Amino acid sequence: MKITKLQVHPQGPLKKEFKLSPQGLNLIYGKNESGKTYVLEALGSWLFGSGRASPLRGKVRNWMPVPSGSVEVAGIDPETPETSYTFDPVSKKNLQDELINTPGFSPDFIQ
């Protein structure tokens, strides 16, 4: 499974749009208060949700307004590795939901 695209719109401490098409190992760096944590917390909330059932609950900030943008992930289902899924703040499902429905992943492993 890999992230194929990430886009975070400028809000909060992020002053300009952040776009990334990851290749191999990626490093996000910048000055203090430039939005690095904002990007990572946006990514986490889109992939794992931010509600009561989220494994990130209590570990990340509740940004207001909620970070906008999207993340695209491919290779979730080993049977169709080219299929990609896009997650954003309004997605009905997140990565956890998709993994539960994927053959070979035990619900105990995901929780």
PDB file of N, CA and C in Angstrom:
ATOM      1  N   MET A   1       0.851  -1.160   0.000  1.00  0.00           N
ATOM      2  CA  MET A   1       0.000   0.000   0.000  1.00  0.00           C
ATOM      3  C   MET A   1       0.903   1.231   0.000  1.00  0.00           C
ATOM      4  N   LYS A   2       0.526   2.232  -0.826  1.00  0.00           N
ATOM      5  CA  LYS A   2       1.339   3.446  -0.870  1.00  0.00           C
ATOM      6  C   LYS A   2       0.458   4.663  -1.160  1.00  0.00           C
ATOM      7  N   ILE A   3       0.921   5.789  -0.685  1.00  0.00           N
ATOM      8  CA  ILE A   3       0.262   7.061  -0.982  1.00  0.00           C
ATOM      9  C   ILE A   3       0.749   7.486  -2.359  1.00  0.00           C
ATOM     10  N   THR A   4      -0.196   7.767  -3.253  1.00  0.00           N
ATOM     11  CA  THR A   4       0.188   8.175  -4.604  1.00  0.00           C
ATOM     12  C   THR A   4       0.072   9.681  -4.816  1.00  0.00           C
ATOM     13  N   LYS A   5      -0.832  10.329  -4.083  1.00  0.00           N
ATOM     14  CA  LYS A   5      -0.987  11.791  -4.178  1.00  0.00           C
ATOM     15  C   LYS A   5      -1.448  12.341  -2.840  1.00  0.00           C
ATOM     16  N   LEU A   6      -0.969  13.518  -2.516  1.00  0.00           N
ATOM     17  CA  LEU A   6      -1.401  14.228  -1.314  1.00  0.00           C
ATOM     18  C   LEU A   6      -1.524  15.700  -1.666  1.00  0.00           C
ATOM     19  N   GLN A   7      -2.648  16.285  -1.291  1.00  0.00           N
ATOM     20  CA  GLN A   7      -2.877  17.709  -1.539  1.00  0.00           C
ATOM     21  C   GLN A   7      -3.572  18.288  -0.315  1.00  0.00           C
ATOM     22  N   VAL A   8      -2.959  19.318   0.274  1.00  0.00           N
ATOM     23  CA  VAL A   8      -3.538  19.990   1.435  1.00  0.00           C
ATOM     24  C   VAL A   8      -3.679  21.467   1.086  1.00  0.00           C
ATOM     25  N   HIS A   9      -4.885  21.968   1.214  1.00  0.00           N
ATOM     26  CA  HIS A   9      -5.146  23.372   0.887  1.00  0.00           C
ATOM     27  C   HIS A   9      -4.650  24.286   2.010  1.00  0.00           C
ATOM     28  N   PRO A  10      -4.283  25.520   1.670  1.00  0.00           N
ATOM     29  CA  PRO A  10      -3.755  26.434   2.684  1.00  0.00           C
ATOM     30  C   PRO A  10      -4.821  26.838   3.706  1.00  0.00           C
ATOM     31  N   GLN A  11      -4.571  26.520   4.938  1.00  0.00           N
ATOM     32  CA  GLN A  11      -5.410  26.899   6.083  1.00  0.00           C
ATOM     33  C   GLN A  11      -4.521  26.799   7.303  1.00  0.00           C
ATOM     34  N   GLY A  12      -5.006  27.281   8.419  1.00  0.00           N
ATOM     35  CA  GLY A  12      -4.231  27.196   9.648  1.00  0.00           C
ATOM     36  C   GLY A  12      -2.835  27.737   9.427  1.00  0.00           C
ATOM     37  N   PRO A  13      -1.817  27.019   9.880  1.00  0.00           N
ATOM     38  CA  PRO A  13      -0.438  27.501   9.721  1.00  0.00           C
ATOM     39  C   PRO A  13       0.118  27.314   8.309  1.00  0.00           C
ATOM     40  N   LEU A  14      -0.587  26.572   7.454  1.00  0.00           N
ATOM     41  CA  LEU A  14      -0.113  26.307   6.098  1.00  0.00           C
ATOM     42  C   LEU A  14      -0.480  27.489   5.198  1.00  0.00           C
ATOM     43  N   LYS A  15       0.515  28.221   4.738  1.00  0.00           N
ATOM     44  CA  LYS A  15       0.273  29.462   3.992  1.00  0.00           C
ATOM     45  C   LYS A  15       0.090  29.264   2.488  1.00  0.00           C
ATOM     46  N   LYS A  16       0.585  28.154   1.941  1.00  0.00           N
ATOM     47  CA  LYS A  16       0.356  27.879   0.526  1.00  0.00           C
ATOM     48  C   LYS A  16       0.033  26.396   0.360  1.00  0.00           C
ATOM     49  N   GLU A  17      -0.571  26.071  -0.772  1.00  0.00           N
ATOM     50  CA  GLU A  17      -0.994  24.695  -1.014  1.00  0.00           C
ATOM     51  C   GLU A  17       0.191  23.735  -0.999  1.00  0.00           C
ATOM     52  N   PHE A  18      -0.039  22.584  -0.371  1.00  0.00           N
ATOM     53  CA  PHE A  18       0.983  21.544  -0.295  1.00  0.00           C
ATOM     54  C   PHE A  18       0.563  20.397  -1.199  1.00  0.00           C
ATOM     55  N   LYS A  19       1.391  20.080  -2.200  1.00  0.00           N
ATOM     56  CA  LYS A  19       1.119  18.972  -3.112  1.00  0.00           C
ATOM     57  C   LYS A  19       2.322  18.044  -3.104  1.00  0.00           C
ATOM     58  N   LEU A  20       2.022  16.741  -3.103  1.00  0.00           N
ATOM     59  CA  LEU A  20       3.085  15.759  -3.089  1.00  0.00           C
ATOM     60  C   LEU A  20       2.647  14.520  -3.852  1.00  0.00           C
ATOM     61  N   SER A  21       3.503  14.034  -4.736  1.00  0.00           N
ATOM     62  CA  SER A  21       3.318  12.742  -5.403  1.00  0.00           C
ATOM     63  C   SER A  21       4.509  11.897  -4.963  1.00  0.00           C
ATOM     64  N   PRO A  22       4.373  11.213  -3.817  1.00  0.00           N
ATOM     65  CA  PRO A  22       5.510  10.536  -3.198  1.00  0.00           C
ATOM     66  C   PRO A  22       6.187   9.508  -4.098  1.00  0.00           C
ATOM     67  N   GLN A  23       7.489   9.477  -4.012  1.00  0.00           N
ATOM     68  CA  GLN A  23       8.328   8.512  -4.722  1.00  0.00           C
ATOM     69  C   GLN A  23       9.385   8.042  -3.723  1.00  0.00           C
ATOM     70  N   GLY A  24       9.368   6.791  -3.341  1.00  0.00           N
ATOM     71  CA  GLY A  24      10.373   6.289  -2.407  1.00  0.00           C
ATOM     72  C   GLY A  24      10.242   6.931  -1.043  1.00  0.00           C
ATOM     73  N   LEU A  25      11.361   7.308  -0.453  1.00  0.00           N
ATOM     74  CA  LEU A  25      11.393   7.941   0.860  1.00  0.00           C
ATOM     75  C   LEU A  25      11.185   9.446   0.684  1.00  0.00           C
ATOM     76  N   ASN A  26      10.288  10.021   1.475  1.00  0.00           N
ATOM     77  CA  ASN A  26      10.006  11.449   1.383  1.00  0.00           C
ATOM     78  C   ASN A  26      10.217  12.102   2.739  1.00  0.00           C
ATOM     79  N   LEU A  27      10.737  13.296   2.719  1.00  0.00           N
ATOM     80  CA  LEU A  27      11.002  14.057   3.929  1.00  0.00           C
ATOM     81  C   LEU A  27      10.272  15.382   3.822  1.00  0.00           C
ATOM     82  N   ILE A  28       9.488  15.694   4.835  1.00  0.00           N
ATOM     83  CA  ILE A  28       8.813  16.991   4.880  1.00  0.00           C
ATOM     84  C   ILE A  28       9.560  17.834   5.909  1.00  0.00           C
ATOM     85  N   TYR A  29      10.103  18.945   5.455  1.00  0.00           N
ATOM     86  CA  TYR A  29      10.870  19.790   6.360  1.00  0.00           C
ATOM     87  C   TYR A  29      10.490  21.243   6.141  1.00  0.00           C
ATOM     88  N   GLY A  30      10.798  22.078   7.108  1.00  0.00           N
ATOM     89  CA  GLY A  30      10.520  23.500   7.007  1.00  0.00           C
ATOM     90  C   GLY A  30      10.746  24.179   8.341  1.00  0.00           C
ATOM     91  N   LYS A  31      10.585  25.478   8.354  1.00  0.00           N
ATOM     92  CA  LYS A  31      10.766  26.263   9.577  1.00  0.00           C
ATOM     93  C   LYS A  31       9.661  25.942  10.572  1.00  0.00           C
ATOM     94  N   ASN A  32       9.901  26.289  11.827  1.00  0.00           N
ATOM     95  CA  ASN A  32       8.871  26.142  12.855  1.00  0.00           C
ATOM     96  C   ASN A  32       7.626  26.921  12.460  1.00  0.00           C
ATOM     97  N   GLU A  33       6.464  26.366  12.777  1.00  0.00           N
ATOM     98  CA  GLU A  33       5.167  27.005  12.515  1.00  0.00           C
ATOM     99  C   GLU A  33       4.882  27.199  11.031  1.00  0.00           C
ATOM    100  N   SER A  34       5.462  26.331  10.176  1.00  0.00           N
ATOM    101  CA  SER A  34       5.232  26.474   8.734  1.00  0.00           C
ATOM    102  C   SER A  34       4.155  25.527   8.204  1.00  0.00           C
ATOM    103  N   GLY A  35       3.644  24.610   9.059  1.00  0.00           N
ATOM    104  CA  GLY A  35       2.547  23.747   8.657  1.00  0.00           C
ATOM    105  C   GLY A  35       2.889  22.273   8.499  1.00  0.00           C
ATOM    106  N   LYS A  36       4.087  21.849   8.913  1.00  0.00           N
ATOM    107  CA  LYS A  36       4.482  20.437   8.767  1.00  0.00           C
ATOM    108  C   LYS A  36       3.541  19.521   9.554  1.00  0.00           C
ATOM    109  N   THR A  37       3.301  19.835  10.794  1.00  0.00           N
ATOM    110  CA  THR A  37       2.406  19.022  11.629  1.00  0.00           C
ATOM    111  C   THR A  37       0.985  19.093  11.100  1.00  0.00           C
ATOM    112  N   TYR A  38       0.576  20.236  10.622  1.00  0.00           N
ATOM    113  CA  TYR A  38      -0.760  20.406  10.047  1.00  0.00           C
ATOM    114  C   TYR A  38      -0.967  19.431   8.890  1.00  0.00           C
ATOM    115  N   VAL A  39       0.025  19.316   8.011  1.00  0.00           N
ATOM    116  CA  VAL A  39      -0.053  18.394   6.868  1.00  0.00           C
ATOM    117  C   VAL A  39      -0.174  16.959   7.360  1.00  0.00           C
ATOM    118  N   LEU A  40       0.660  16.575   8.322  1.00  0.00           N
ATOM    119  CA  LEU A  40       0.627  15.202   8.829  1.00  0.00           C
ATOM    120  C   LEU A  40      -0.675  14.886   9.563  1.00  0.00           C
ATOM    121  N   GLU A  41      -1.187  15.832  10.339  1.00  0.00           N
ATOM    122  CA  GLU A  41      -2.452  15.601  11.043  1.00  0.00           C
ATOM    123  C   GLU A  41      -3.629  15.567  10.076  1.00  0.00           C
ATOM    124  N   ALA A  42      -3.575  16.355   9.010  1.00  0.00           N
ATOM    125  CA  ALA A  42      -4.618  16.293   7.978  1.00  0.00           C
ATOM    126  C   ALA A  42      -4.599  14.916   7.333  1.00  0.00           C
ATOM    127  N   LEU A  43      -3.431  14.441   6.971  1.00  0.00           N
ATOM    128  CA  LEU A  43      -3.274  13.118   6.371  1.00  0.00           C
ATOM    129  C   LEU A  43      -3.831  12.035   7.298  1.00  0.00           C
ATOM    130  N   GLY A  44      -3.474  12.089   8.551  1.00  0.00           N
ATOM    131  CA  GLY A  44      -3.959  11.104   9.517  1.00  0.00           C
ATOM    132  C   GLY A  44      -5.464  11.121   9.672  1.00  0.00           C
ATOM    133  N   SER A  45      -6.052  12.310   9.725  1.00  0.00           N
ATOM    134  CA  SER A  45      -7.508  12.387   9.916  1.00  0.00           C
ATOM    135  C   SER A  45      -8.253  11.896   8.679  1.00  0.00           C
ATOM    136  N   TRP A  46      -7.715  12.130   7.477  1.00  0.00           N
ATOM    137  CA  TRP A  46      -8.377  11.640   6.256  1.00  0.00           C
ATOM    138  C   TRP A  46      -8.269  10.125   6.148  1.00  0.00           C
ATOM    139  N   LEU A  47      -7.136   9.566   6.575  1.00  0.00           N
ATOM    140  CA  LEU A  47      -6.950   8.124   6.470  1.00  0.00           C
ATOM    141  C   LEU A  47      -7.641   7.343   7.588  1.00  0.00           C
ATOM    142  N   PHE A  48      -7.658   7.896   8.801  1.00  0.00           N
ATOM    143  CA  PHE A  48      -8.155   7.144   9.947  1.00  0.00           C
ATOM    144  C   PHE A  48      -9.348   7.771  10.643  1.00  0.00           C
ATOM    145  N   GLY A  49      -9.839   8.886  10.124  1.00  0.00           N
ATOM    146  CA  GLY A  49     -10.996   9.533  10.727  1.00  0.00           C
ATOM    147  C   GLY A  49     -10.597  10.374  11.930  1.00  0.00           C
ATOM    148  N   SER A  50     -11.559  11.116  12.436  1.00  0.00           N
ATOM    149  CA  SER A  50     -11.273  11.975  13.589  1.00  0.00           C
ATOM    150  C   SER A  50     -12.360  11.876  14.656  1.00  0.00           C
ATOM    151  N   GLY A  51     -13.298  10.979  14.463  1.00  0.00           N
ATOM    152  CA  GLY A  51     -14.400  10.828  15.418  1.00  0.00           C
ATOM    153  C   GLY A  51     -14.041   9.928  16.580  1.00  0.00           C
ATOM    154  N   ARG A  52     -15.081   9.478  17.276  1.00  0.00           N
ATOM    155  CA  ARG A  52     -14.898   8.636  18.457  1.00  0.00           C
ATOM    156  C   ARG A  52     -14.140   7.340  18.185  1.00  0.00           C
ATOM    157  N   ALA A  53     -14.369   6.745  17.023  1.00  0.00           N
ATOM    158  CA  ALA A  53     -13.755   5.450  16.709  1.00  0.00           C
ATOM    159  C   ALA A  53     -12.341   5.577  16.152  1.00  0.00           C
ATOM    160  N   SER A  54     -11.870   6.785  15.949  1.00  0.00           N
ATOM    161  CA  SER A  54     -10.551   6.987  15.359  1.00  0.00           C
ATOM    162  C   SER A  54      -9.440   6.575  16.319  1.00  0.00           C
ATOM    163  N   PRO A  55      -8.427   5.851  15.810  1.00  0.00           N
ATOM    164  CA  PRO A  55      -7.284   5.525  16.662  1.00  0.00           C
ATOM    165  C   PRO A  55      -6.449   6.765  17.003  1.00  0.00           C
ATOM    166  N   LEU A  56      -6.705   7.876  16.308  1.00  0.00           N
ATOM    167  CA  LEU A  56      -5.972   9.119  16.563  1.00  0.00           C
ATOM    168  C   LEU A  56      -6.659  10.013  17.585  1.00  0.00           C
ATOM    169  N   ARG A  57      -7.825   9.611  18.051  1.00  0.00           N
ATOM    170  CA  ARG A  57      -8.587  10.441  18.996  1.00  0.00           C
ATOM    171  C   ARG A  57      -7.732  10.750  20.223  1.00  0.00           C
ATOM    172  N   GLY A  58      -7.637  12.024  20.538  1.00  0.00           N
ATOM    173  CA  GLY A  58      -6.851  12.467  21.681  1.00  0.00           C
ATOM    174  C   GLY A  58      -5.366  12.608  21.401  1.00  0.00           C
ATOM    175  N   LYS A  59      -4.937  12.256  20.199  1.00  0.00           N
ATOM    176  CA  LYS A  59      -3.513  12.332  19.867  1.00  0.00           C
ATOM    177  C   LYS A  59      -3.199  13.454  18.881  1.00  0.00           C
ATOM    178  N   VAL A  60      -4.216  13.959  18.203  1.00  0.00           N
ATOM    179  CA  VAL A  60      -4.018  15.058  17.256  1.00  0.00           C
ATOM    180  C   VAL A  60      -4.992  16.180  17.581  1.00  0.00           C
ATOM    181  N   ARG A  61      -4.678  17.359  17.108  1.00  0.00           N
ATOM    182  CA  ARG A  61      -5.528  18.521  17.359  1.00  0.00           C
ATOM    183  C   ARG A  61      -6.795  18.480  16.515  1.00  0.00           C
ATOM    184  N   ASN A  62      -7.841  19.096  17.000  1.00  0.00           N
ATOM    185  CA  ASN A  62      -9.069  19.277  16.227  1.00  0.00           C
ATOM    186  C   ASN A  62      -8.983  20.647  15.570  1.00  0.00           C
ATOM    187  N   TRP A  63      -8.490  20.673  14.353  1.00  0.00           N
ATOM    188  CA  TRP A  63      -8.311  21.935  13.641  1.00  0.00           C
ATOM    189  C   TRP A  63      -9.657  22.498  13.230  1.00  0.00           C
ATOM    190  N   MET A  64      -9.840  23.795  13.415  1.00  0.00           N
ATOM    191  CA  MET A  64     -11.041  24.494  12.966  1.00  0.00           C
ATOM    192  C   MET A  64     -10.585  25.668  12.126  1.00  0.00           C
ATOM    193  N   PRO A  65     -10.948  25.730  10.874  1.00  0.00           N
ATOM    194  CA  PRO A  65     -11.746  24.763  10.142  1.00  0.00           C
ATOM    195  C   PRO A  65     -10.947  23.487   9.888  1.00  0.00           C
ATOM    196  N   VAL A  66     -11.659  22.425   9.583  1.00  0.00           N
ATOM    197  CA  VAL A  66     -11.042  21.129   9.302  1.00  0.00           C
ATOM    198  C   VAL A  66     -10.158  21.253   8.065  1.00  0.00           C
ATOM    199  N   PRO A  67      -8.954  20.656   8.078  1.00  0.00           N
ATOM    200  CA  PRO A  67      -8.088  20.727   6.901  1.00  0.00           C
ATOM    201  C   PRO A  67      -8.793  20.201   5.650  1.00  0.00           C
ATOM    202  N   SER A  68      -8.623  20.913   4.550  1.00  0.00           N
ATOM    203  CA  SER A  68      -9.238  20.467   3.298  1.00  0.00           C
ATOM    204  C   SER A  68      -8.150  20.037   2.322  1.00  0.00           C
ATOM    205  N   GLY A  69      -8.522  19.119   1.447  1.00  0.00           N
ATOM    206  CA  GLY A  69      -7.608  18.548   0.484  1.00  0.00           C
ATOM    207  C   GLY A  69      -7.951  17.083   0.322  1.00  0.00           C
ATOM    208  N   SER A  70      -6.981  16.264  -0.078  1.00  0.00           N
ATOM    209  CA  SER A  70      -7.242  14.837  -0.248  1.00  0.00           C
ATOM    210  C   SER A  70      -5.944  14.049  -0.281  1.00  0.00           C
ATOM    211  N   VAL A  71      -6.081  12.742  -0.050  1.00  0.00           N
ATOM    212  CA  VAL A  71      -4.972  11.810  -0.170  1.00  0.00           C
ATOM    213  C   VAL A  71      -5.455  10.628  -0.998  1.00  0.00           C
ATOM    214  N   GLU A  72      -4.612  10.193  -1.927  1.00  0.00           N
ATOM    215  CA  GLU A  72      -4.935   9.048  -2.774  1.00  0.00           C
ATOM    216  C   GLU A  72      -3.988   7.908  -2.410  1.00  0.00           C
ATOM    217  N   VAL A  73      -4.569   6.732  -2.185  1.00  0.00           N
ATOM    218  CA  VAL A  73      -3.799   5.563  -1.766  1.00  0.00           C
ATOM    219  C   VAL A  73      -4.068   4.426  -2.741  1.00  0.00           C
ATOM    220  N   ALA A  74      -3.015   3.727  -3.149  1.00  0.00           N
ATOM    221  CA  ALA A  74      -3.157   2.570  -4.040  1.00  0.00           C
ATOM    222  C   ALA A  74      -2.600   1.333  -3.347  1.00  0.00           C
ATOM    223  N   GLY A  75      -3.052   0.173  -3.802  1.00  0.00           N
ATOM    224  CA  GLY A  75      -2.524  -1.078  -3.279  1.00  0.00           C
ATOM    225  C   GLY A  75      -3.171  -1.553  -2.003  1.00  0.00           C
ATOM    226  N   ILE A  76      -4.347  -1.059  -1.678  1.00  0.00           N
ATOM    227  CA  ILE A  76      -5.034  -1.509  -0.467  1.00  0.00           C
ATOM    228  C   ILE A  76      -5.443  -2.970  -0.623  1.00  0.00           C
ATOM    229  N   ASP A  77      -6.024  -3.299  -1.753  1.00  0.00           N
ATOM    230  CA  ASP A  77      -6.473  -4.665  -2.022  1.00  0.00           C
ATOM    231  C   ASP A  77      -5.397  -5.364  -2.842  1.00  0.00           C
ATOM    232  N   PRO A  78      -4.755  -6.401  -2.284  1.00  0.00           N
ATOM    233  CA  PRO A  78      -3.689  -7.087  -3.014  1.00  0.00           C
ATOM    234  C   PRO A  78      -4.163  -7.724  -4.321  1.00  0.00           C
ATOM    235  N   GLU A  79      -5.458  -7.990  -4.418  1.00  0.00           N
ATOM    236  CA  GLU A  79      -5.994  -8.601  -5.644  1.00  0.00           C
ATOM    237  C   GLU A  79      -6.075  -7.577  -6.787  1.00  0.00           C
ATOM    238  N   THR A  80      -6.220  -6.299  -6.451  1.00  0.00           N
ATOM    239  CA  THR A  80      -6.272  -5.237  -7.461  1.00  0.00           C
ATOM    240  C   THR A  80      -5.370  -4.082  -7.008  1.00  0.00           C
ATOM    241  N   PRO A  81      -4.032  -4.287  -7.026  1.00  0.00           N
ATOM    242  CA  PRO A  81      -3.108  -3.282  -6.490  1.00  0.00           C
ATOM    243  C   PRO A  81      -3.122  -1.951  -7.222  1.00  0.00           C
ATOM    244  N   GLU A  82      -3.599  -1.942  -8.478  1.00  0.00           N
ATOM    245  CA  GLU A  82      -3.619  -0.676  -9.235  1.00  0.00           C
ATOM    246  C   GLU A  82      -4.809   0.208  -8.859  1.00  0.00           C
ATOM    247  N   THR A  83      -5.796  -0.358  -8.175  1.00  0.00           N
ATOM    248  CA  THR A  83      -6.970   0.418  -7.774  1.00  0.00           C
ATOM    249  C   THR A  83      -6.571   1.432  -6.706  1.00  0.00           C
ATOM    250  N   SER A  84      -6.971   2.679  -6.905  1.00  0.00           N
ATOM    251  CA  SER A  84      -6.658   3.710  -5.912  1.00  0.00           C
ATOM    252  C   SER A  84      -7.935   4.200  -5.250  1.00  0.00           C
ATOM    253  N   TYR A  85      -7.781   4.670  -4.051  1.00  0.00           N
ATOM    254  CA  TYR A  85      -8.882   5.201  -3.242  1.00  0.00           C
ATOM    255  C   TYR A  85      -8.503   6.602  -2.810  1.00  0.00           C
ATOM    256  N   THR A  86      -9.472   7.510  -2.842  1.00  0.00           N
ATOM    257  CA  THR A  86      -9.232   8.879  -2.413  1.00  0.00           C
ATOM    258  C   THR A  86     -10.001   9.135  -1.124  1.00  0.00           C
ATOM    259  N   PHE A  87      -9.314   9.701  -0.152  1.00  0.00           N
ATOM    260  CA  PHE A  87      -9.904  10.044   1.136  1.00  0.00           C
ATOM    261  C   PHE A  87      -9.751  11.537   1.364  1.00  0.00           C
ATOM    262  N   ASP A  88     -10.783  12.150   1.922  1.00  0.00           N
ATOM    263  CA  ASP A  88     -10.764  13.579   2.215  1.00  0.00           C
ATOM    264  C   ASP A  88     -11.658  13.833   3.427  1.00  0.00           C
ATOM    265  N   PRO A  89     -11.829  15.094   3.829  1.00  0.00           N
ATOM    266  CA  PRO A  89     -12.609  15.366   5.032  1.00  0.00           C
ATOM    267  C   PRO A  89     -14.074  14.955   4.946  1.00  0.00           C
ATOM    268  N   VAL A  90     -14.623  14.797   3.748  1.00  0.00           N
ATOM    269  CA  VAL A  90     -16.046  14.452   3.623  1.00  0.00           C
ATOM    270  C   VAL A  90     -16.266  13.003   3.189  1.00  0.00           C
ATOM    271  N   SER A  91     -15.195  12.215   3.103  1.00  0.00           N
ATOM    272  CA  SER A  91     -15.337  10.811   2.715  1.00  0.00           C
ATOM    273  C   SER A  91     -16.189  10.071   3.736  1.00  0.00           C
ATOM    274  N   LYS A  92     -17.076   9.228   3.254  1.00  0.00           N
ATOM    275  CA  LYS A  92     -17.924   8.425   4.145  1.00  0.00           C
ATOM    276  C   LYS A  92     -17.114   7.302   4.788  1.00  0.00           C
ATOM    277  N   LYS A  93     -16.090   6.816   4.072  1.00  0.00           N
ATOM    278  CA  LYS A  93     -15.238   5.741   4.579  1.00  0.00           C
ATOM    279  C   LYS A  93     -13.811   6.243   4.698  1.00  0.00           C
ATOM    280  N   ASN A  94     -13.036   5.576   5.568  1.00  0.00           N
ATOM    281  CA  ASN A  94     -11.620   5.895   5.670  1.00  0.00           C
ATOM    282  C   ASN A  94     -10.810   4.622   5.430  1.00  0.00           C
ATOM    283  N   LEU A  95      -9.514   4.707   5.578  1.00  0.00           N
ATOM    284  CA  LEU A  95      -8.636   3.573   5.297  1.00  0.00           C
ATOM    285  C   LEU A  95      -8.993   2.369   6.158  1.00  0.00           C
ATOM    286  N   GLN A  96      -9.299   2.572   7.416  1.00  0.00           N
ATOM    287  CA  GLN A  96      -9.691   1.475   8.306  1.00  0.00           C
ATOM    288  C   GLN A  96     -10.869   0.708   7.734  1.00  0.00           C
ATOM    289  N   ASP A  97     -11.872   1.427   7.255  1.00  0.00           N
ATOM    290  CA  ASP A  97     -13.059   0.778   6.681  1.00  0.00           C
ATOM    291  C   ASP A  97     -12.679  -0.073   5.478  1.00  0.00           C
ATOM    292  N   GLU A  98     -11.794   0.421   4.647  1.00  0.00           N
ATOM    293  CA  GLU A  98     -11.379  -0.325   3.460  1.00  0.00           C
ATOM    294  C   GLU A  98     -10.561  -1.558   3.848  1.00  0.00           C
ATOM    295  N   LEU A  99      -9.703  -1.440   4.855  1.00  0.00           N
ATOM    296  CA  LEU A  99      -8.878  -2.576   5.267  1.00  0.00           C
ATOM    297  C   LEU A  99      -9.715  -3.698   5.876  1.00  0.00           C
ATOM    298  N   ILE A 100     -10.775  -3.349   6.586  1.00  0.00           N
ATOM    299  CA  ILE A 100     -11.646  -4.355   7.178  1.00  0.00           C
ATOM    300  C   ILE A 100     -12.278  -5.210   6.084  1.00  0.00           C
ATOM    301  N   ASN A 101     -12.579  -4.607   4.936  1.00  0.00           N
ATOM    302  CA  ASN A 101     -13.199  -5.332   3.824  1.00  0.00           C
ATOM    303  C   ASN A 101     -12.204  -6.019   2.910  1.00  0.00           C
ATOM    304  N   THR A 102     -10.913  -5.888   3.193  1.00  0.00           N
ATOM    305  CA  THR A 102      -9.876  -6.462   2.341  1.00  0.00           C
ATOM    306  C   THR A 102      -9.549  -7.883   2.796  1.00  0.00           C
ATOM    307  N   PRO A 103      -9.579  -8.845   1.879  1.00  0.00           N
ATOM    308  CA  PRO A 103      -9.225 -10.218   2.248  1.00  0.00           C
ATOM    309  C   PRO A 103      -7.809 -10.278   2.815  1.00  0.00           C
ATOM    310  N   GLY A 104      -7.643 -11.025   3.875  1.00  0.00           N
ATOM    311  CA  GLY A 104      -6.314 -11.190   4.461  1.00  0.00           C
ATOM    312  C   GLY A 104      -6.052 -10.296   5.638  1.00  0.00           C
ATOM    313  N   PHE A 105      -6.867  -9.276   5.869  1.00  0.00           N
ATOM    314  CA  PHE A 105      -6.694  -8.410   7.026  1.00  0.00           C
ATOM    315  C   PHE A 105      -7.712  -8.792   8.084  1.00  0.00           C
ATOM    316  N   SER A 106      -7.231  -9.173   9.241  1.00  0.00           N
ATOM    317  CA  SER A 106      -8.112  -9.502  10.349  1.00  0.00           C
ATOM    318  C   SER A 106      -8.596  -8.219  11.001  1.00  0.00           C
ATOM    319  N   PRO A 107      -9.882  -8.119  11.356  1.00  0.00           N
ATOM    320  CA  PRO A 107     -10.370  -6.923  12.058  1.00  0.00           C
ATOM    321  C   PRO A 107      -9.581  -6.650  13.333  1.00  0.00           C
ATOM    322  N   ASP A 108      -9.059  -7.712  13.982  1.00  0.00           N
ATOM    323  CA  ASP A 108      -8.255  -7.525  15.198  1.00  0.00           C
ATOM    324  C   ASP A 108      -6.944  -6.814  14.896  1.00  0.00           C
ATOM    325  N   PHE A 109      -6.395  -7.074  13.719  1.00  0.00           N
ATOM    326  CA  PHE A 109      -5.148  -6.445  13.309  1.00  0.00           C
ATOM    327  C   PHE A 109      -5.339  -4.949  13.102  1.00  0.00           C
ATOM    328  N   ILE A 110      -6.497  -4.556  12.604  1.00  0.00           N
ATOM    329  CA  ILE A 110      -6.757  -3.169  12.228  1.00  0.00           C
ATOM    330  C   ILE A 110      -7.112  -2.318  13.428  1.00  0.00           C
ATOM    331  N   GLN A 111      -7.759  -2.884  14.426  1.00  0.00           N
ATOM    332  CA  GLN A 111      -8.178  -2.087  15.589  1.00  0.00           C
ATOM    333  C   GLN A 111      -7.103  -1.864  16.543  1.00  0.00           C
TER     334      GLN A 111
END
